[in-house]
N, C-alpha and C. Protein backbone atom coordinates (compact mmCIF):
# COMPACT_ATOMS: atom_id res chain seq x y z
N MET A 1 173.36 63.72 76.03
CA MET A 1 172.10 63.86 75.33
C MET A 1 171.11 64.57 76.25
N GLN A 2 170.48 65.62 75.77
CA GLN A 2 169.58 66.41 76.58
C GLN A 2 168.15 65.92 76.38
N ASP A 3 167.41 65.82 77.50
CA ASP A 3 166.01 65.42 77.41
C ASP A 3 165.20 66.51 76.74
N THR A 4 164.22 66.09 75.95
CA THR A 4 163.31 67.04 75.32
C THR A 4 162.38 67.59 76.39
N PRO A 5 162.22 68.91 76.46
CA PRO A 5 161.30 69.46 77.47
C PRO A 5 159.88 69.01 77.18
N GLN A 6 159.13 68.76 78.24
CA GLN A 6 157.76 68.32 78.08
C GLN A 6 156.80 69.46 78.44
N LEU A 7 155.63 69.40 77.84
CA LEU A 7 154.59 70.38 78.15
C LEU A 7 154.12 70.17 79.59
N SER A 8 153.81 71.26 80.26
CA SER A 8 153.31 71.17 81.64
C SER A 8 151.86 70.69 81.62
N THR A 9 151.40 70.25 82.76
CA THR A 9 150.01 69.82 82.88
C THR A 9 149.07 70.99 82.58
N ASP A 10 149.40 72.17 83.07
CA ASP A 10 148.54 73.34 82.79
C ASP A 10 148.46 73.64 81.30
N GLU A 11 149.59 73.53 80.60
CA GLU A 11 149.59 73.76 79.15
C GLU A 11 148.71 72.73 78.44
N LEU A 12 148.81 71.47 78.88
CA LEU A 12 148.00 70.42 78.27
C LEU A 12 146.52 70.61 78.56
N LEU A 13 146.19 71.00 79.79
CA LEU A 13 144.79 71.25 80.13
C LEU A 13 144.22 72.39 79.29
N ASP A 14 144.97 73.47 79.14
CA ASP A 14 144.52 74.60 78.32
C ASP A 14 144.30 74.17 76.87
N HIS A 15 145.26 73.42 76.33
CA HIS A 15 145.15 72.97 74.95
C HIS A 15 143.97 72.00 74.78
N ALA A 16 143.78 71.11 75.73
CA ALA A 16 142.66 70.16 75.67
C ALA A 16 141.33 70.90 75.67
N TYR A 17 141.21 71.92 76.50
CA TYR A 17 139.97 72.69 76.58
C TYR A 17 139.71 73.42 75.26
N GLU A 18 140.74 73.99 74.66
CA GLU A 18 140.59 74.66 73.36
C GLU A 18 140.12 73.68 72.30
N ILE A 19 140.72 72.49 72.26
CA ILE A 19 140.32 71.47 71.29
C ILE A 19 138.87 71.06 71.52
N PHE A 20 138.52 70.83 72.78
CA PHE A 20 137.16 70.44 73.13
C PHE A 20 136.16 71.49 72.63
N LEU A 21 136.40 72.75 72.93
CA LEU A 21 135.47 73.81 72.51
C LEU A 21 135.35 73.88 71.00
N GLU A 22 136.45 73.67 70.30
CA GLU A 22 136.44 73.74 68.84
C GLU A 22 135.64 72.60 68.21
N LEU A 23 135.68 71.41 68.82
CA LEU A 23 135.09 70.22 68.20
C LEU A 23 133.77 69.76 68.82
N ALA A 24 133.39 70.33 69.94
CA ALA A 24 132.20 69.84 70.66
C ALA A 24 130.93 69.89 69.82
N ALA A 25 130.72 70.95 69.09
CA ALA A 25 129.48 71.08 68.31
C ALA A 25 129.32 69.98 67.28
N ASP A 26 130.43 69.45 66.79
CA ASP A 26 130.38 68.38 65.79
C ASP A 26 130.28 66.98 66.41
N ASN A 27 130.48 66.88 67.71
CA ASN A 27 130.59 65.55 68.33
C ASN A 27 129.66 65.30 69.50
N LEU A 28 128.98 66.31 69.97
CA LEU A 28 128.02 66.16 71.05
C LEU A 28 126.64 66.56 70.56
N SER A 29 125.61 66.02 71.21
CA SER A 29 124.24 66.38 70.84
C SER A 29 123.93 67.80 71.32
N GLN A 30 122.86 68.36 70.81
CA GLN A 30 122.43 69.70 71.25
C GLN A 30 122.11 69.71 72.74
N GLU A 31 121.55 68.60 73.24
CA GLU A 31 121.24 68.50 74.66
C GLU A 31 122.51 68.49 75.51
N GLN A 32 123.53 67.77 75.04
CA GLN A 32 124.80 67.72 75.76
C GLN A 32 125.47 69.10 75.77
N ILE A 33 125.42 69.78 74.65
CA ILE A 33 126.01 71.13 74.57
C ILE A 33 125.25 72.09 75.48
N ALA A 34 123.93 71.99 75.50
CA ALA A 34 123.13 72.85 76.38
C ALA A 34 123.47 72.59 77.84
N LEU A 35 123.63 71.32 78.21
CA LEU A 35 124.01 70.97 79.58
C LEU A 35 125.39 71.52 79.91
N PHE A 36 126.34 71.36 79.00
CA PHE A 36 127.68 71.91 79.20
C PHE A 36 127.61 73.42 79.43
N ASN A 37 126.91 74.12 78.55
CA ASN A 37 126.82 75.57 78.65
C ASN A 37 126.13 76.03 79.93
N ALA A 38 125.12 75.29 80.37
CA ALA A 38 124.37 75.68 81.56
C ALA A 38 125.11 75.36 82.86
N GLU A 39 125.89 74.29 82.88
CA GLU A 39 126.45 73.81 84.14
C GLU A 39 127.97 73.94 84.28
N PHE A 40 128.69 74.18 83.20
CA PHE A 40 130.15 74.11 83.29
C PHE A 40 130.74 75.16 84.23
N GLU A 41 130.17 76.34 84.25
CA GLU A 41 130.73 77.39 85.12
C GLU A 41 130.67 77.00 86.59
N THR A 42 129.64 76.28 87.01
CA THR A 42 129.51 75.93 88.42
C THR A 42 130.01 74.53 88.75
N ARG A 43 129.88 73.57 87.83
CA ARG A 43 130.26 72.19 88.13
C ARG A 43 131.31 71.62 87.19
N GLY A 44 131.75 72.41 86.23
CA GLY A 44 132.67 71.91 85.22
C GLY A 44 134.07 71.68 85.74
N ALA A 45 134.75 70.71 85.13
CA ALA A 45 136.12 70.41 85.54
C ALA A 45 136.88 69.75 84.40
N LEU A 46 138.18 69.94 84.46
CA LEU A 46 139.12 69.19 83.63
C LEU A 46 140.01 68.44 84.60
N GLY A 47 140.20 67.17 84.33
CA GLY A 47 141.05 66.36 85.19
C GLY A 47 142.11 65.66 84.38
N ASP A 48 143.30 65.54 84.95
CA ASP A 48 144.38 64.84 84.25
C ASP A 48 144.76 63.60 85.05
N SER A 49 145.18 62.57 84.31
CA SER A 49 145.60 61.33 84.95
C SER A 49 146.48 60.54 84.00
N GLU A 50 147.05 59.48 84.54
CA GLU A 50 147.78 58.54 83.68
C GLU A 50 146.75 57.90 82.75
N PRO A 51 147.09 57.70 81.50
CA PRO A 51 146.11 57.15 80.55
C PRO A 51 145.64 55.75 80.94
N ASP A 52 144.33 55.52 80.80
CA ASP A 52 143.78 54.18 81.00
C ASP A 52 144.29 53.25 79.90
N ALA A 53 144.44 52.00 80.24
CA ALA A 53 144.95 51.01 79.29
C ALA A 53 144.05 50.84 78.06
N ASP A 54 142.75 51.17 78.20
CA ASP A 54 141.83 50.98 77.07
C ASP A 54 142.17 51.86 75.86
N TRP A 55 142.99 52.88 76.03
CA TRP A 55 143.41 53.70 74.90
C TRP A 55 144.17 52.88 73.86
N GLN A 56 144.91 51.87 74.31
CA GLN A 56 145.78 51.13 73.40
C GLN A 56 145.02 50.52 72.22
N GLU A 57 143.77 50.16 72.41
CA GLU A 57 143.01 49.55 71.31
C GLU A 57 142.71 50.55 70.19
N TYR A 58 142.86 51.84 70.45
CA TYR A 58 142.59 52.86 69.44
C TYR A 58 143.86 53.41 68.79
N LEU A 59 145.01 52.97 69.26
CA LEU A 59 146.28 53.57 68.84
C LEU A 59 147.08 52.66 67.94
N ASP A 60 147.88 53.25 67.05
CA ASP A 60 148.80 52.47 66.22
C ASP A 60 150.24 52.68 66.69
N PHE A 61 150.40 53.08 67.94
CA PHE A 61 151.71 53.22 68.57
C PHE A 61 151.57 52.78 70.02
N ASP A 62 152.68 52.51 70.67
CA ASP A 62 152.65 52.06 72.06
C ASP A 62 152.37 53.24 72.99
N LEU A 63 151.40 53.05 73.84
CA LEU A 63 151.06 54.06 74.84
C LEU A 63 152.16 54.10 75.89
N ASP A 64 152.67 55.29 76.15
CA ASP A 64 153.74 55.48 77.11
C ASP A 64 153.27 56.46 78.17
N PRO A 65 152.95 55.99 79.38
CA PRO A 65 152.45 56.88 80.43
C PRO A 65 153.41 58.02 80.79
N ALA A 66 154.68 57.87 80.49
CA ALA A 66 155.63 58.94 80.75
C ALA A 66 155.52 60.05 79.69
N ARG A 67 154.98 59.71 78.52
CA ARG A 67 154.87 60.68 77.42
C ARG A 67 153.45 61.17 77.16
N HIS A 68 152.47 60.46 77.71
CA HIS A 68 151.07 60.78 77.41
C HIS A 68 150.29 61.06 78.70
N VAL A 69 149.26 61.85 78.56
CA VAL A 69 148.37 62.16 79.67
C VAL A 69 146.92 62.06 79.17
N GLU A 70 146.06 61.58 80.03
CA GLU A 70 144.63 61.55 79.73
C GLU A 70 143.98 62.74 80.41
N ILE A 71 143.15 63.45 79.68
CA ILE A 71 142.44 64.60 80.22
C ILE A 71 140.95 64.37 80.02
N CYS A 72 140.20 64.48 81.10
CA CYS A 72 138.75 64.32 81.07
C CYS A 72 138.10 65.69 81.23
N ILE A 73 137.02 65.90 80.50
CA ILE A 73 136.26 67.13 80.58
C ILE A 73 134.82 66.76 80.87
N GLY A 74 134.30 67.31 81.97
CA GLY A 74 132.94 66.96 82.34
C GLY A 74 132.41 67.80 83.48
N LEU A 75 131.36 67.27 84.12
CA LEU A 75 130.72 67.93 85.25
C LEU A 75 130.91 67.09 86.49
N LEU A 76 131.18 67.76 87.61
CA LEU A 76 131.38 67.07 88.87
C LEU A 76 130.07 66.97 89.64
N GLY A 77 129.93 65.86 90.36
CA GLY A 77 128.80 65.68 91.25
C GLY A 77 129.16 66.18 92.64
N GLU A 78 128.26 65.94 93.60
CA GLU A 78 128.49 66.39 94.97
C GLU A 78 129.73 65.75 95.59
N ASP A 79 130.11 64.58 95.12
CA ASP A 79 131.28 63.88 95.67
C ASP A 79 132.59 64.32 95.01
N GLU A 80 132.53 65.37 94.19
CA GLU A 80 133.70 65.90 93.48
C GLU A 80 134.30 64.90 92.48
N GLU A 81 133.49 63.96 92.04
CA GLU A 81 133.86 63.01 90.98
C GLU A 81 133.02 63.35 89.76
N PHE A 82 133.53 62.98 88.57
CA PHE A 82 132.76 63.24 87.35
C PHE A 82 131.46 62.44 87.39
N ASP A 83 130.33 63.13 87.24
CA ASP A 83 129.08 62.41 87.06
C ASP A 83 128.58 62.52 85.62
N THR A 84 129.15 63.46 84.88
CA THR A 84 128.91 63.57 83.45
C THR A 84 130.26 63.79 82.78
N LEU A 85 130.58 62.93 81.85
CA LEU A 85 131.86 63.03 81.15
C LEU A 85 131.56 63.32 79.68
N PHE A 86 131.97 64.47 79.21
CA PHE A 86 131.73 64.85 77.82
C PHE A 86 132.78 64.29 76.88
N ALA A 87 134.04 64.27 77.33
CA ALA A 87 135.12 63.79 76.46
C ALA A 87 136.33 63.37 77.29
N ARG A 88 137.05 62.39 76.73
CA ARG A 88 138.36 61.98 77.24
C ARG A 88 139.35 62.24 76.12
N LEU A 89 140.46 62.89 76.45
CA LEU A 89 141.47 63.21 75.45
C LEU A 89 142.79 62.57 75.86
N LEU A 90 143.48 62.04 74.89
CA LEU A 90 144.82 61.51 75.10
C LEU A 90 145.77 62.46 74.39
N MET A 91 146.69 63.04 75.16
CA MET A 91 147.59 64.03 74.60
C MET A 91 149.03 63.69 74.94
N SER A 92 149.91 64.09 74.04
CA SER A 92 151.34 63.87 74.24
C SER A 92 151.94 65.05 75.00
N ARG A 93 152.87 64.74 75.87
CA ARG A 93 153.59 65.79 76.60
C ARG A 93 154.69 66.42 75.73
N ASP A 94 154.98 65.80 74.60
CA ASP A 94 156.02 66.27 73.69
C ASP A 94 155.50 67.48 72.92
N PRO A 95 156.16 68.65 73.04
CA PRO A 95 155.67 69.84 72.33
C PRO A 95 155.71 69.72 70.81
N GLU A 96 156.49 68.79 70.29
CA GLU A 96 156.56 68.57 68.84
C GLU A 96 155.46 67.63 68.34
N ASP A 97 154.81 66.92 69.24
CA ASP A 97 153.77 65.95 68.89
C ASP A 97 152.42 66.51 69.33
N ARG A 98 151.73 67.17 68.45
CA ARG A 98 150.47 67.84 68.80
C ARG A 98 149.24 67.00 68.47
N HIS A 99 149.43 65.71 68.18
CA HIS A 99 148.29 64.85 67.91
C HIS A 99 147.47 64.66 69.19
N CYS A 100 146.19 64.45 69.00
CA CYS A 100 145.28 64.28 70.11
C CYS A 100 144.25 63.23 69.72
N GLN A 101 144.00 62.29 70.60
CA GLN A 101 142.93 61.30 70.41
C GLN A 101 141.79 61.70 71.33
N ILE A 102 140.56 61.61 70.85
CA ILE A 102 139.42 62.00 71.67
C ILE A 102 138.37 60.89 71.64
N GLN A 103 137.84 60.58 72.81
CA GLN A 103 136.67 59.72 72.92
C GLN A 103 135.55 60.60 73.46
N TRP A 104 134.51 60.75 72.66
CA TRP A 104 133.38 61.61 73.02
C TRP A 104 132.31 60.81 73.71
N GLN A 105 131.51 61.49 74.56
CA GLN A 105 130.34 60.88 75.16
C GLN A 105 129.39 60.53 74.03
N GLU A 106 128.76 59.37 74.14
CA GLU A 106 127.81 59.00 73.08
C GLU A 106 126.63 59.94 73.10
N ARG A 107 126.10 60.19 71.91
CA ARG A 107 124.98 61.12 71.79
C ARG A 107 123.71 60.53 72.32
């Protein structure tokens, strides 16, 4: 039995950024969008990590860290950590499973 190929981290980051740009206007305030537009080029970042356990409360399936990745989109502070987080996305590494869960920054 052959393993299903998984999407690379770079592919997931690119896809997450595309989704974010498409949906941001409907889910962030005008002030948040203005901040993103003004600061993202110099302080913006996308980060990937193993999904936090808190995702499970939003899902109707079992979270599998081997199959899912959490991607954060925001602005970095001087310490190179996110000081503004616009969205967290949960994405599947499976190329056949294109579903995405998003938690947006509150307005």
